[in-house]
Amino acid sequence: MARKIESPTIVEAAGNKPKIIEEYIGNMNTQSSSVSIARMQSPGGWIEPGQTPKFDEYTVVLKGTLQV
């Protein structure tokens, strides 16, 4: 059954500068461990250590540059 998500859950990010992660679908907000859908705002020059998550993660860049 469909469920309205009233607001995202703020998730703490690893990295060299403060970053905002607002999770809409995922372990923190909907107890779904297989996928994470979140809005992220990263400052220029932000980096994080490499990760191997145990869920599907998708990235959509709306503004700026993503370097992988």
Protein backbone atom coordinates (compact mmCIF):
# COMPACT_ATOMS: atom_id res chain seq x y z
CA MET A 1 0.00 0.00 0.00
CA ALA A 2 1.23 3.49 -0.80
CA ARG A 3 2.31 5.68 2.08
CA LYS A 4 2.84 9.44 2.16
CA ILE A 5 6.26 10.43 3.46
CA GLU A 6 5.68 13.69 5.31
CA SER A 7 9.32 14.74 5.53
CA PRO A 8 12.81 13.34 5.01
CA THR A 9 15.11 12.12 7.75
CA ILE A 10 18.43 13.98 8.06
CA VAL A 11 21.34 11.50 7.84
CA GLU A 12 24.87 12.32 9.05
CA ALA A 13 27.43 12.25 6.25
CA ALA A 14 31.07 11.23 6.30
CA GLY A 15 33.52 13.48 4.53
CA ASN A 16 35.86 16.41 4.81
CA LYS A 17 33.15 19.15 4.91
CA PRO A 18 29.59 19.34 6.24
CA LYS A 19 27.05 17.82 3.83
CA ILE A 20 23.26 17.59 4.05
CA ILE A 21 21.55 14.26 3.28
CA GLU A 22 17.75 14.20 3.40
CA GLU A 23 16.58 10.58 3.07
CA TYR A 24 13.06 10.02 1.76
CA ILE A 25 13.21 6.26 1.17
CA GLY A 26 15.69 4.00 2.94
CA ASN A 27 16.65 2.36 6.19
CA MET A 28 16.29 5.48 8.35
CA ASN A 29 12.92 6.75 7.06
CA THR A 30 10.97 3.75 5.69
CA GLN A 31 12.92 0.75 7.07
CA SER A 32 13.77 -0.30 3.50
CA SER A 33 17.25 -1.84 3.45
CA SER A 34 17.36 -2.53 -0.30
CA VAL A 35 17.31 1.04 -1.70
CA SER A 36 18.09 4.60 -0.65
CA ILE A 37 16.51 7.68 -2.25
CA ALA A 38 17.85 10.90 -0.76
CA ARG A 39 18.47 14.54 -1.62
CA MET A 40 22.07 15.55 -0.98
CA GLN A 41 23.66 18.99 -0.93
CA SER A 42 27.44 18.92 -1.00
CA PRO A 43 29.78 21.93 -0.85
CA GLY A 44 32.44 22.33 -3.54
CA GLY A 45 35.50 20.19 -2.84
CA TRP A 46 33.58 17.73 -0.65
CA ILE A 47 35.07 14.21 -0.65
CA GLU A 48 34.33 11.01 1.26
CA PRO A 49 36.05 7.66 1.72
CA GLY A 50 35.08 4.89 -0.73
CA GLN A 51 32.06 2.83 0.29
CA THR A 52 30.41 -0.46 -0.66
CA PRO A 53 26.78 -0.08 0.46
CA LYS A 54 24.55 -3.15 0.81
CA PHE A 55 21.68 -1.39 -0.97
CA ASP A 56 21.02 0.19 -4.36
CA GLU A 57 22.00 3.83 -4.47
CA TYR A 58 21.20 6.24 -7.31
CA THR A 59 22.73 9.65 -7.97
CA VAL A 60 21.11 12.41 -10.01
CA VAL A 61 23.10 15.62 -10.41
CA LEU A 62 20.78 18.62 -10.80
CA LYS A 63 23.45 21.31 -10.57
CA GLY A 64 27.23 21.23 -10.37
CA THR A 65 29.65 18.41 -11.20
CA LEU A 66 29.99 14.83 -9.97
CA GLN A 67 33.48 13.37 -10.09
CA VAL A 68 33.70 9.59 -9.63
